[in-house]
Amino acid sequence: DEKGRLDIVVANAGIARYAALGTIDEEHFDAIF
């Protein structure tokens, strides 16, 4: 509505969390993916 087009898209949004194998739960996996 405001500009009518895009010339460049930078898909930058992301999150990072640590979890060692053996401690990974479903919420951790789903949130990051």
Full PDB file with SEQRES, HELIX, SHEET, SSBOND, CRYST1, ORIGX, SCALE, CONECT and MASTER records, all heavy atoms in Angstrom:
SEQRES   1 A   33  ASP GLU LYS GLY ARG LEU ASP ILE VAL VAL ALA ASN ALA          
SEQRES   2 A   33  GLY ILE ALA ARG TYR ALA ALA LEU GLY THR ILE ASP GLU          
SEQRES   3 A   33  GLU HIS PHE ASP ALA ILE PHE                                  
HELIX    1 AA1 GLU A   26  ILE A   32  1                                   7    
CRYST1    1.000    1.000    1.000  90.00  90.00  90.00 P 1           1          
ORIGX1      1.000000  0.000000  0.000000        0.00000                         
ORIGX2      0.000000  1.000000  0.000000        0.00000                         
ORIGX3      0.000000  0.000000  1.000000        0.00000                         
SCALE1      1.000000  0.000000  0.000000        0.00000                         
SCALE2      0.000000  1.000000  0.000000        0.00000                         
SCALE3      0.000000  0.000000  1.000000        0.00000                         
ATOM      1  N   ASP A   1       0.812  -1.208   0.000  1.00  0.00           N  
ATOM      2  CA  ASP A   1       0.000   0.000   0.000  1.00  0.00           C  
ATOM      3  C   ASP A   1       0.853   1.270   0.000  1.00  0.00           C  
ATOM      4  O   ASP A   1       0.498   2.271  -0.628  1.00  0.00           O  
ATOM      5  CB  ASP A   1      -0.932   0.015   1.217  1.00  0.00           C  
ATOM      6  CG  ASP A   1      -2.020  -1.041   1.143  1.00  0.00           C  
ATOM      7  OD1 ASP A   1      -2.242  -1.590   0.041  1.00  0.00           O  
ATOM      8  OD2 ASP A   1      -2.635  -1.331   2.195  1.00  0.00           O  
ATOM      9  N   GLU A   2       1.998   1.235   0.708  1.00  0.00           N  
ATOM     10  CA  GLU A   2       2.809   2.435   0.845  1.00  0.00           C  
ATOM     11  C   GLU A   2       3.807   2.634  -0.289  1.00  0.00           C  
ATOM     12  O   GLU A   2       4.066   3.768  -0.708  1.00  0.00           O  
ATOM     13  CB  GLU A   2       3.552   2.415   2.181  1.00  0.00           C  
ATOM     14  CG  GLU A   2       2.646   2.547   3.398  1.00  0.00           C  
ATOM     15  CD  GLU A   2       3.403   2.702   4.694  1.00  0.00           C  
ATOM     16  OE1 GLU A   2       4.649   2.905   4.648  1.00  0.00           O  
ATOM     17  OE2 GLU A   2       2.782   2.622   5.764  1.00  0.00           O  
ATOM     18  N   LYS A   3       4.395   1.538  -0.783  1.00  0.00           N  
ATOM     19  CA  LYS A   3       5.469   1.670  -1.780  1.00  0.00           C  
ATOM     20  C   LYS A   3       5.213   0.881  -3.071  1.00  0.00           C  
ATOM     21  O   LYS A   3       5.823   1.184  -4.096  1.00  0.00           O  
ATOM     22  CB  LYS A   3       6.803   1.232  -1.179  1.00  0.00           C  
ATOM     23  CG  LYS A   3       7.285   2.117  -0.031  1.00  0.00           C  
ATOM     24  CD  LYS A   3       7.611   3.521  -0.519  1.00  0.00           C  
ATOM     25  CE  LYS A   3       8.145   4.390   0.604  1.00  0.00           C  
ATOM     26  NZ  LYS A   3       8.466   5.770   0.149  1.00  0.00           N  
ATOM     27  N   GLY A   4       4.394  -0.151  -2.994  1.00  0.00           N  
ATOM     28  CA  GLY A   4       4.040  -0.881  -4.208  1.00  0.00           C  
ATOM     29  C   GLY A   4       5.021  -1.931  -4.671  1.00  0.00           C  
ATOM     30  O   GLY A   4       4.705  -2.727  -5.564  1.00  0.00           O  
ATOM     31  N   ARG A   5       6.210  -1.961  -4.078  1.00  0.00           N  
ATOM     32  CA  ARG A   5       7.206  -2.948  -4.500  1.00  0.00           C  
ATOM     33  C   ARG A   5       8.280  -3.088  -3.434  1.00  0.00           C  
ATOM     34  O   ARG A   5       8.362  -2.279  -2.496  1.00  0.00           O  
ATOM     35  CB  ARG A   5       7.861  -2.538  -5.816  1.00  0.00           C  
ATOM     36  CG  ARG A   5       8.874  -1.413  -5.691  1.00  0.00           C  
ATOM     37  CD  ARG A   5       9.629  -1.134  -6.974  1.00  0.00           C  
ATOM     38  NE  ARG A   5      10.871  -0.453  -6.738  1.00  0.00           N  
ATOM     39  CZ  ARG A   5      11.002   0.862  -6.535  1.00  0.00           C  
ATOM     40  NH1 ARG A   5       9.936   1.635  -6.539  1.00  0.00           N  
ATOM     41  NH2 ARG A   5      12.200   1.383  -6.327  1.00  0.00           N  
ATOM     42  N   LEU A   6       9.118  -4.101  -3.600  1.00  0.00           N  
ATOM     43  CA  LEU A   6      10.327  -4.293  -2.812  1.00  0.00           C  
ATOM     44  C   LEU A   6      11.453  -4.665  -3.765  1.00  0.00           C  
ATOM     45  O   LEU A   6      11.275  -5.521  -4.633  1.00  0.00           O  
ATOM     46  CB  LEU A   6      10.150  -5.423  -1.797  1.00  0.00           C  
ATOM     47  CG  LEU A   6       9.542  -5.110  -0.443  1.00  0.00           C  
ATOM     48  CD1 LEU A   6       9.324  -6.413   0.328  1.00  0.00           C  
ATOM     49  CD2 LEU A   6      10.428  -4.166   0.365  1.00  0.00           C  
ATOM     50  N   ASP A   7      12.609  -4.057  -3.592  1.00  0.00           N  
ATOM     51  CA  ASP A   7      13.772  -4.404  -4.415  1.00  0.00           C  
ATOM     52  C   ASP A   7      14.744  -5.325  -3.691  1.00  0.00           C  
ATOM     53  O   ASP A   7      15.505  -6.052  -4.325  1.00  0.00           O  
ATOM     54  CB  ASP A   7      14.522  -3.129  -4.821  1.00  0.00           C  
ATOM     55  CG  ASP A   7      13.635  -2.160  -5.563  1.00  0.00           C  
ATOM     56  OD1 ASP A   7      13.195  -2.501  -6.676  1.00  0.00           O  
ATOM     57  OD2 ASP A   7      13.361  -1.078  -5.016  1.00  0.00           O  
ATOM     58  N   ILE A   8      14.720  -5.265  -2.356  1.00  0.00           N  
ATOM     59  CA  ILE A   8      15.675  -6.009  -1.533  1.00  0.00           C  
ATOM     60  C   ILE A   8      14.934  -6.593  -0.338  1.00  0.00           C  
ATOM     61  O   ILE A   8      14.182  -5.891   0.335  1.00  0.00           O  
ATOM     62  CB  ILE A   8      16.799  -5.090  -1.011  1.00  0.00           C  
ATOM     63  CG1 ILE A   8      17.526  -4.382  -2.157  1.00  0.00           C  
ATOM     64  CG2 ILE A   8      17.778  -5.867  -0.137  1.00  0.00           C  
ATOM     65  CD1 ILE A   8      18.252  -3.118  -1.720  1.00  0.00           C  
ATOM     66  N   VAL A   9      15.152  -7.876  -0.073  1.00  0.00           N  
ATOM     67  CA  VAL A   9      14.638  -8.513   1.135  1.00  0.00           C  
ATOM     68  C   VAL A   9      15.815  -9.088   1.910  1.00  0.00           C  
ATOM     69  O   VAL A   9      16.601  -9.873   1.354  1.00  0.00           O  
ATOM     70  CB  VAL A   9      13.626  -9.630   0.811  1.00  0.00           C  
ATOM     71  CG1 VAL A   9      13.227 -10.383   2.084  1.00  0.00           C  
ATOM     72  CG2 VAL A   9      12.390  -9.050   0.123  1.00  0.00           C  
ATOM     73  N   VAL A  10      15.937  -8.699   3.157  1.00  0.00           N  
ATOM     74  CA  VAL A  10      16.949  -9.277   4.044  1.00  0.00           C  
ATOM     75  C   VAL A  10      16.204 -10.033   5.138  1.00  0.00           C  
ATOM     76  O   VAL A  10      15.631  -9.435   6.053  1.00  0.00           O  
ATOM     77  CB  VAL A  10      17.852  -8.192   4.658  1.00  0.00           C  
ATOM     78  CG1 VAL A  10      18.932  -8.847   5.531  1.00  0.00           C  
ATOM     79  CG2 VAL A  10      18.489  -7.333   3.575  1.00  0.00           C  
ATOM     80  N   ALA A  11      16.190 -11.350   5.027  1.00  0.00           N  
ATOM     81  CA  ALA A  11      15.514 -12.203   6.015  1.00  0.00           C  
ATOM     82  C   ALA A  11      16.497 -12.460   7.149  1.00  0.00           C  
ATOM     83  O   ALA A  11      17.249 -13.449   7.145  1.00  0.00           O  
ATOM     84  CB  ALA A  11      15.053 -13.505   5.371  1.00  0.00           C  
ATOM     85  N   ASN A  12      16.486 -11.546   8.095  1.00  0.00           N  
ATOM     86  CA  ASN A  12      17.485 -11.525   9.160  1.00  0.00           C  
ATOM     87  C   ASN A  12      16.951 -12.023  10.496  1.00  0.00           C  
ATOM     88  O   ASN A  12      17.720 -12.498  11.334  1.00  0.00           O  
ATOM     89  CB  ASN A  12      18.001 -10.087   9.322  1.00  0.00           C  
ATOM     90  CG  ASN A  12      18.783  -9.882  10.596  1.00  0.00           C  
ATOM     91  OD1 ASN A  12      19.921 -10.306  10.736  1.00  0.00           O  
ATOM     92  ND2 ASN A  12      18.158  -9.203  11.567  1.00  0.00           N  
ATOM     93  N   ALA A  13      15.642 -11.929  10.732  1.00  0.00           N  
ATOM     94  CA  ALA A  13      15.082 -12.267  12.043  1.00  0.00           C  
ATOM     95  C   ALA A  13      15.420 -13.702  12.429  1.00  0.00           C  
ATOM     96  O   ALA A  13      15.262 -14.633  11.633  1.00  0.00           O  
ATOM     97  CB  ALA A  13      13.564 -12.077  12.029  1.00  0.00           C  
ATOM     98  N   GLY A  14      15.887 -13.872  13.646  1.00  0.00           N  
ATOM     99  CA  GLY A  14      16.234 -15.208  14.112  1.00  0.00           C  
ATOM    100  C   GLY A  14      16.495 -15.205  15.600  1.00  0.00           C  
ATOM    101  O   GLY A  14      16.713 -14.156  16.206  1.00  0.00           O  
ATOM    102  N   ILE A  15      16.477 -16.393  16.185  1.00  0.00           N  
ATOM    103  CA  ILE A  15      16.806 -16.543  17.593  1.00  0.00           C  
ATOM    104  C   ILE A  15      17.843 -17.639  17.749  1.00  0.00           C  
ATOM    105  O   ILE A  15      17.947 -18.551  16.919  1.00  0.00           O  
ATOM    106  CB  ILE A  15      15.564 -16.865  18.456  1.00  0.00           C  
ATOM    107  CG1 ILE A  15      14.894 -18.170  17.992  1.00  0.00           C  
ATOM    108  CG2 ILE A  15      14.573 -15.711  18.429  1.00  0.00           C  
ATOM    109  CD1 ILE A  15      13.755 -18.607  18.900  1.00  0.00           C  
ATOM    110  N   ALA A  16      18.627 -17.531  18.823  1.00  0.00           N  
ATOM    111  CA  ALA A  16      19.658 -18.530  19.126  1.00  0.00           C  
ATOM    112  C   ALA A  16      19.536 -18.933  20.579  1.00  0.00           C  
ATOM    113  O   ALA A  16      19.389 -18.081  21.462  1.00  0.00           O  
ATOM    114  CB  ALA A  16      21.043 -17.958  18.851  1.00  0.00           C  
ATOM    115  N   ARG A  17      19.588 -20.227  20.814  1.00  0.00           N  
ATOM    116  CA  ARG A  17      19.594 -20.758  22.176  1.00  0.00           C  
ATOM    117  C   ARG A  17      20.511 -21.977  22.210  1.00  0.00           C  
ATOM    118  O   ARG A  17      20.585 -22.721  21.242  1.00  0.00           O  
ATOM    119  CB  ARG A  17      18.188 -21.180  22.617  1.00  0.00           C  
ATOM    120  CG  ARG A  17      17.175 -20.059  22.718  1.00  0.00           C  
ATOM    121  CD  ARG A  17      15.823 -20.611  23.143  1.00  0.00           C  
ATOM    122  NE  ARG A  17      14.768 -19.614  23.099  1.00  0.00           N  
ATOM    123  CZ  ARG A  17      13.476 -19.899  23.292  1.00  0.00           C  
ATOM    124  NH1 ARG A  17      13.104 -21.150  23.550  1.00  0.00           N  
ATOM    125  NH2 ARG A  17      12.580 -18.944  23.221  1.00  0.00           N  
ATOM    126  N   TYR A  18      21.157 -22.163  23.345  1.00  0.00           N  
ATOM    127  CA  TYR A  18      22.001 -23.335  23.537  1.00  0.00           C  
ATOM    128  C   TYR A  18      21.219 -24.465  24.194  1.00  0.00           C  
ATOM    129  O   TYR A  18      20.386 -24.227  25.078  1.00  0.00           O  
ATOM    130  CB  TYR A  18      23.185 -23.005  24.445  1.00  0.00           C  
ATOM    131  CG  TYR A  18      24.255 -22.146  23.831  1.00  0.00           C  
ATOM    132  CD1 TYR A  18      24.865 -21.140  24.566  1.00  0.00           C  
ATOM    133  CD2 TYR A  18      24.674 -22.358  22.522  1.00  0.00           C  
ATOM    134  CE1 TYR A  18      25.870 -20.351  24.018  1.00  0.00           C  
ATOM    135  CE2 TYR A  18      25.670 -21.583  21.962  1.00  0.00           C  
ATOM    136  CZ  TYR A  18      26.268 -20.579  22.706  1.00  0.00           C  
ATOM    137  OH  TYR A  18      27.248 -19.803  22.170  1.00  0.00           O  
ATOM    138  N   ALA A  19      21.490 -25.692  23.788  1.00  0.00           N  
ATOM    139  CA  ALA A  19      21.006 -26.893  24.487  1.00  0.00           C  
ATOM    140  C   ALA A  19      21.821 -28.079  24.000  1.00  0.00           C  
ATOM    141  O   ALA A  19      21.902 -28.344  22.792  1.00  0.00           O  
ATOM    142  CB  ALA A  19      19.514 -27.127  24.228  1.00  0.00           C  
ATOM    143  N   ALA A  20      22.428 -28.784  24.922  1.00  0.00           N  
ATOM    144  CA  ALA A  20      23.214 -29.957  24.559  1.00  0.00           C  
ATOM    145  C   ALA A  20      22.304 -31.125  24.198  1.00  0.00           C  
ATOM    146  O   ALA A  20      21.177 -31.234  24.705  1.00  0.00           O  
ATOM    147  CB  ALA A  20      24.118 -30.348  25.727  1.00  0.00           C  
ATOM    148  N   LEU A  21      22.771 -31.976  23.312  1.00  0.00           N  
ATOM    149  CA  LEU A  21      22.024 -33.177  22.972  1.00  0.00           C  
ATOM    150  C   LEU A  21      21.785 -33.995  24.238  1.00  0.00           C  
ATOM    151  O   LEU A  21      22.705 -34.243  25.019  1.00  0.00           O  
ATOM    152  CB  LEU A  21      22.813 -34.008  21.957  1.00  0.00           C  
ATOM    153  CG  LEU A  21      22.087 -35.228  21.393  1.00  0.00           C  
ATOM    154  CD1 LEU A  21      20.839 -34.819  20.615  1.00  0.00           C  
ATOM    155  CD2 LEU A  21      23.030 -36.037  20.501  1.00  0.00           C  
ATOM    156  N   GLY A  22      20.548 -34.390  24.434  1.00  0.00           N  
ATOM    157  CA  GLY A  22      20.149 -35.059  25.659  1.00  0.00           C  
ATOM    158  C   GLY A  22      19.319 -34.167  26.558  1.00  0.00           C  
ATOM    159  O   GLY A  22      18.634 -34.661  27.461  1.00  0.00           O  
ATOM    160  N   THR A  23      19.372 -32.850  26.301  1.00  0.00           N  
ATOM    161  CA  THR A  23      18.595 -31.895  27.102  1.00  0.00           C  
ATOM    162  C   THR A  23      17.586 -31.123  26.248  1.00  0.00           C  
ATOM    163  O   THR A  23      16.863 -30.277  26.776  1.00  0.00           O  
ATOM    164  CB  THR A  23      19.510 -30.877  27.798  1.00  0.00           C  
ATOM    165  OG1 THR A  23      20.107 -30.019  26.824  1.00  0.00           O  
ATOM    166  CG2 THR A  23      20.593 -31.589  28.602  1.00  0.00           C  
ATOM    167  N   ILE A  24      17.545 -31.385  24.946  1.00  0.00           N  
ATOM    168  CA  ILE A  24      16.677 -30.632  24.033  1.00  0.00           C  
ATOM    169  C   ILE A  24      15.226 -31.054  24.237  1.00  0.00           C  
ATOM    170  O   ILE A  24      14.918 -32.247  24.255  1.00  0.00           O  
ATOM    171  CB  ILE A  24      17.093 -30.875  22.570  1.00  0.00           C  
ATOM    172  CG1 ILE A  24      18.523 -30.380  22.339  1.00  0.00           C  
ATOM    173  CG2 ILE A  24      16.118 -30.205  21.595  1.00  0.00           C  
ATOM    174  CD1 ILE A  24      19.150 -30.879  21.062  1.00  0.00           C  
ATOM    175  N   ASP A  25      14.337 -30.080  24.408  1.00  0.00           N  
ATOM    176  CA  ASP A  25      12.915 -30.397  24.520  1.00  0.00           C  
ATOM    177  C   ASP A  25      12.159 -29.840  23.313  1.00  0.00           C  
ATOM    178  O   ASP A  25      12.712 -29.129  22.464  1.00  0.00           O  
ATOM    179  CB  ASP A  25      12.316 -29.888  25.831  1.00  0.00           C  
ATOM    180  CG  ASP A  25      12.436 -28.381  26.017  1.00  0.00           C  
ATOM    181  OD1 ASP A  25      12.580 -27.656  25.007  1.00  0.00           O  
ATOM    182  OD2 ASP A  25      12.379 -27.928  27.170  1.00  0.00           O  
ATOM    183  N   GLU A  26      10.883 -30.163  23.230  1.00  0.00           N  
ATOM    184  CA  GLU A  26      10.082 -29.790  22.067  1.00  0.00           C  
ATOM    185  C   GLU A  26       9.944 -28.279  21.934  1.00  0.00           C  
ATOM    186  O   GLU A  26       9.982 -27.733  20.827  1.00  0.00           O  
ATOM    187  CB  GLU A  26       8.704 -30.439  22.153  1.00  0.00           C  
ATOM    188  CG  GLU A  26       7.856 -30.233  20.902  1.00  0.00           C  
ATOM    189  CD  GLU A  26       6.539 -30.995  20.973  1.00  0.00           C  
ATOM    190  OE1 GLU A  26       6.135 -31.377  22.087  1.00  0.00           O  
ATOM    191  OE2 GLU A  26       5.919 -31.195  19.912  1.00  0.00           O  
ATOM    192  N   GLU A  27       9.803 -27.586  23.052  1.00  0.00           N  
ATOM    193  CA  GLU A  27       9.658 -26.134  22.994  1.00  0.00           C  
ATOM    194  C   GLU A  27      10.906 -25.486  22.418  1.00  0.00           C  
ATOM    195  O   GLU A  27      10.808 -24.552  21.592  1.00  0.00           O  
ATOM    196  CB  GLU A  27       9.393 -25.594  24.407  1.00  0.00           C  
ATOM    197  CG  GLU A  27       9.040 -24.102  24.447  1.00  0.00           C  
ATOM    198  CD  GLU A  27      10.244 -23.173  24.397  1.00  0.00           C  
ATOM    199  OE1 GLU A  27      11.332 -23.604  24.863  1.00  0.00           O  
ATOM    200  OE2 GLU A  27      10.110 -22.038  23.882  1.00  0.00           O  
ATOM    201  N   HIS A  28      12.071 -25.960  22.808  1.00  0.00           N  
ATOM    202  CA  HIS A  28      13.335 -25.448  22.286  1.00  0.00           C  
ATOM    203  C   HIS A  28      13.390 -25.638  20.767  1.00  0.00           C  
ATOM    204  O   HIS A  28      13.691 -24.696  20.017  1.00  0.00           O  
ATOM    205  CB  HIS A  28      14.492 -26.190  22.965  1.00  0.00           C  
ATOM    206  CG  HIS A  28      15.851 -25.847  22.439  1.00  0.00           C  
ATOM    207  ND1 HIS A  28      16.618 -24.833  22.958  1.00  0.00           N  
ATOM    208  CD2 HIS A  28      16.594 -26.412  21.441  1.00  0.00           C  
ATOM    209  CE1 HIS A  28      17.776 -24.773  22.307  1.00  0.00           C  
ATOM    210  NE2 HIS A  28      17.771 -25.723  21.377  1.00  0.00           N  
ATOM    211  N   PHE A  29      13.081 -26.847  20.329  1.00  0.00           N  
ATOM    212  CA  PHE A  29      13.121 -27.153  18.894  1.00  0.00           C  
ATOM    213  C   PHE A  29      12.136 -26.295  18.120  1.00  0.00           C  
ATOM    214  O   PHE A  29      12.475 -25.657  17.118  1.00  0.00           O  
ATOM    215  CB  PHE A  29      12.810 -28.641  18.682  1.00  0.00           C  
ATOM    216  CG  PHE A  29      12.829 -29.058  17.237  1.00  0.00           C  
ATOM    217  CD1 PHE A  29      13.978 -29.556  16.658  1.00  0.00           C  
ATOM    218  CD2 PHE A  29      11.687 -28.950  16.448  1.00  0.00           C  
ATOM    219  CE1 PHE A  29      13.995 -29.938  15.320  1.00  0.00           C  
ATOM    220  CE2 PHE A  29      11.691 -29.326  15.116  1.00  0.00           C  
ATOM    221  CZ  PHE A  29      12.856 -29.822  14.553  1.00  0.00           C  
ATOM    222  N   ASP A  30      10.885 -26.251  18.564  1.00  0.00           N  
ATOM    223  CA  ASP A  30       9.838 -25.543  17.825  1.00  0.00           C  
ATOM    224  C   ASP A  30      10.111 -24.047  17.764  1.00  0.00           C  
ATOM    225  O   ASP A  30       9.904 -23.413  16.713  1.00  0.00           O  
ATOM    226  CB  ASP A  30       8.471 -25.797  18.464  1.00  0.00           C  
ATOM    227  CG  ASP A  30       7.953 -27.210  18.210  1.00  0.00           C  
ATOM    228  OD1 ASP A  30       8.508 -27.899  17.335  1.00  0.00           O  
ATOM    229  OD2 ASP A  30       6.992 -27.608  18.896  1.00  0.00           O  
ATOM    230  N   ALA A  31      10.561 -23.465  18.862  1.00  0.00           N  
ATOM    231  CA  ALA A  31      10.790 -22.023  18.892  1.00  0.00           C  
ATOM    232  C   ALA A  31      11.848 -21.611  17.881  1.00  0.00           C  
ATOM    233  O   ALA A  31      11.680 -20.633  17.138  1.00  0.00           O  
ATOM    234  CB  ALA A  31      11.193 -21.577  20.292  1.00  0.00           C  
ATOM    235  N   ILE A  32      12.950 -22.366  17.834  1.00  0.00           N  
ATOM    236  CA  ILE A  32      14.051 -21.989  16.942  1.00  0.00           C  
ATOM    237  C   ILE A  32      13.703 -22.275  15.490  1.00  0.00           C  
ATOM    238  O   ILE A  32      13.937 -21.438  14.604  1.00  0.00           O  
ATOM    239  CB  ILE A  32      15.352 -22.698  17.366  1.00  0.00           C  
ATOM    240  CG1 ILE A  32      15.732 -22.285  18.791  1.00  0.00           C  
ATOM    241  CG2 ILE A  32      16.487 -22.346  16.410  1.00  0.00           C  
ATOM    242  CD1 ILE A  32      16.940 -22.999  19.336  1.00  0.00           C  
ATOM    243  N   PHE A  33      13.114 -23.421  15.208  1.00  0.00           N  
ATOM    244  CA  PHE A  33      12.751 -23.723  13.826  1.00  0.00           C  
ATOM    245  C   PHE A  33      11.628 -22.815  13.323  1.00  0.00           C  
ATOM    246  O   PHE A  33      11.629 -22.399  12.164  1.00  0.00           O  
ATOM    247  CB  PHE A  33      12.365 -25.197  13.673  1.00  0.00           C  
ATOM    248  CG  PHE A  33      13.505 -26.046  13.182  1.00  0.00           C  
ATOM    249  CD1 PHE A  33      14.436 -26.559  14.070  1.00  0.00           C  
ATOM    250  CD2 PHE A  33      13.667 -26.320  11.833  1.00  0.00           C  
ATOM    251  CE1 PHE A  33      15.504 -27.328  13.632  1.00  0.00           C  
ATOM    252  CE2 PHE A  33      14.735 -27.076  11.376  1.00  0.00           C  
ATOM    253  CZ  PHE A  33      15.652 -27.592  12.272  1.00  0.00           C  
TER     254      PHE A  33                                                      
MASTER        0    0    0    1    0    0    0    6  253    1    0    3          
END                                                                             
